[in-house]
Protein backbone atom coordinates (compact mmCIF):
# COMPACT_ATOMS: atom_id res chain seq x y z
CA MET A 1 0.00 0.00 0.00
CA GLU A 2 1.02 3.60 -0.36
CA LEU A 3 1.08 6.40 2.19
CA LYS A 4 1.73 10.06 1.39
CA GLN A 5 4.66 11.74 3.08
CA ASP A 6 2.49 14.44 4.66
CA GLU A 7 0.32 11.74 6.29
CA ILE A 8 3.15 9.93 8.14
CA ARG A 9 2.96 11.82 11.46
CA ASP A 10 -0.80 11.35 11.81
CA PHE A 11 -0.61 7.71 10.70
CA LEU A 12 2.05 6.79 13.27
CA THR A 13 0.40 8.78 16.05
CA ASN A 14 -2.94 7.09 15.34
CA LEU A 15 -1.40 3.66 15.88
CA ASN A 16 -2.06 4.41 19.57
CA GLY A 17 1.25 3.07 20.83
CA LYS A 18 1.43 -0.08 18.70
CA MET A 19 4.91 -1.01 17.51
CA PHE A 20 5.87 -0.39 13.91
CA GLY A 21 8.86 -1.00 11.68
CA ILE A 22 10.27 1.97 9.84
CA THR A 23 12.99 2.45 7.26
CA PHE A 24 14.46 5.89 6.64
CA THR A 25 17.60 7.70 5.55
CA LYS A 26 19.58 9.26 8.40
CA ARG A 27 20.16 13.00 7.94
CA SER A 28 23.56 12.93 9.62
CA THR A 29 25.21 10.21 7.54
CA GLY A 30 22.87 9.45 4.65
CA GLU A 31 22.84 5.78 5.59
CA LEU A 32 19.72 3.63 5.56
CA ARG A 33 18.31 2.94 9.04
CA LYS A 34 15.72 0.34 10.04
CA MET A 35 14.04 0.58 13.42
CA LEU A 36 11.33 -1.11 15.47
CA ALA A 37 9.65 1.76 17.30
CA THR A 38 6.62 3.04 19.18
CA THR A 39 5.21 6.46 20.01
CA ASN A 40 3.98 5.15 23.37
CA PHE A 41 6.60 6.23 25.92
CA VAL A 42 7.32 8.76 28.63
CA SER A 43 10.35 10.91 27.88
CA LYS A 44 12.95 10.92 30.62
CA LEU A 45 15.32 13.59 29.30
CA LYS A 46 17.88 14.50 31.93
CA GLY A 47 17.61 18.20 31.13
CA GLY A 48 13.80 18.21 31.13
CA GLN A 49 12.51 19.38 27.75
CA ALA A 50 14.27 19.10 24.39
CA SER A 51 16.09 22.24 23.29
CA TYR A 52 14.30 22.20 19.93
CA ASP A 53 10.81 21.74 18.53
CA ALA A 54 10.82 18.33 16.82
CA LYS A 55 7.66 19.03 14.82
CA GLU A 56 9.09 22.30 13.51
CA LYS A 57 12.21 20.43 12.33
CA GLY A 58 10.12 17.72 10.63
CA LEU A 59 11.03 15.07 13.19
CA LEU A 60 8.95 12.50 15.03
CA VAL A 61 10.25 11.45 18.45
CA VAL A 62 9.89 7.72 19.11
CA LEU A 63 11.17 4.98 21.39
CA ASP A 64 13.58 2.58 19.67
CA VAL A 65 12.29 -0.72 21.05
CA ILE A 66 15.50 -2.69 20.42
CA ALA A 67 17.78 -0.02 21.93
CA ASN A 68 15.43 0.23 24.91
CA ARG A 69 16.28 -3.36 25.86
CA LYS A 70 20.02 -2.56 26.04
CA THR A 71 20.16 1.07 27.16
CA PRO A 72 16.72 2.37 28.22
CA GLU A 73 18.15 5.74 29.23
CA ARG A 74 19.29 6.37 25.63
CA ALA A 75 16.56 4.76 23.51
CA ILE A 76 14.67 7.92 22.46
CA ARG A 77 15.20 8.67 18.76
CA SER A 78 14.09 11.31 16.27
CA ILE A 79 12.97 10.19 12.82
CA PRO A 80 13.15 12.69 9.92
CA LEU A 81 9.69 12.40 8.36
CA ASP A 82 10.90 13.68 4.98
CA ALA A 83 13.33 10.73 4.74
CA VAL A 84 10.94 7.85 5.55
CA LEU A 85 10.85 5.19 2.83
CA VAL A 86 8.80 2.30 4.28
CA ILE A 87 6.55 1.72 7.30
CA LYS A 88 5.36 -1.71 8.44
CA ALA A 89 2.38 -1.58 10.77
CA ASN A 90 -0.56 -3.85 11.57
CA GLY A 91 0.83 -6.50 9.20
CA VAL A 92 0.85 -4.13 6.22
CA GLU A 93 3.84 -2.58 4.45
CA TYR A 94 3.37 1.02 3.34
CA THR A 95 5.59 2.61 0.71
CA ILE A 96 5.94 6.36 1.15
CA THR A 97 5.14 8.64 -1.79
CA LYS A 98 5.67 12.37 -2.11
């Protein structure tokens, strides 16, 4: 199935905390990144609030489920919504279109 790029944030938020697989291109290195994630978490940032507005920067803050098993204090990640290629949720694979 296909999902438009401008619908990603709402789609993932409306999963109501269910886990999803996501493939995207990292902004920092340009490498392909696959992640099992959820939006259902409580942020425990040591400094309180983030120093930037994730939505304004086109990011979605998620919990990396695999990293959470190893280092729960460092498992919060930001996904660049403009670089998402594929989302797997509810047994369906969605290809992202512009």
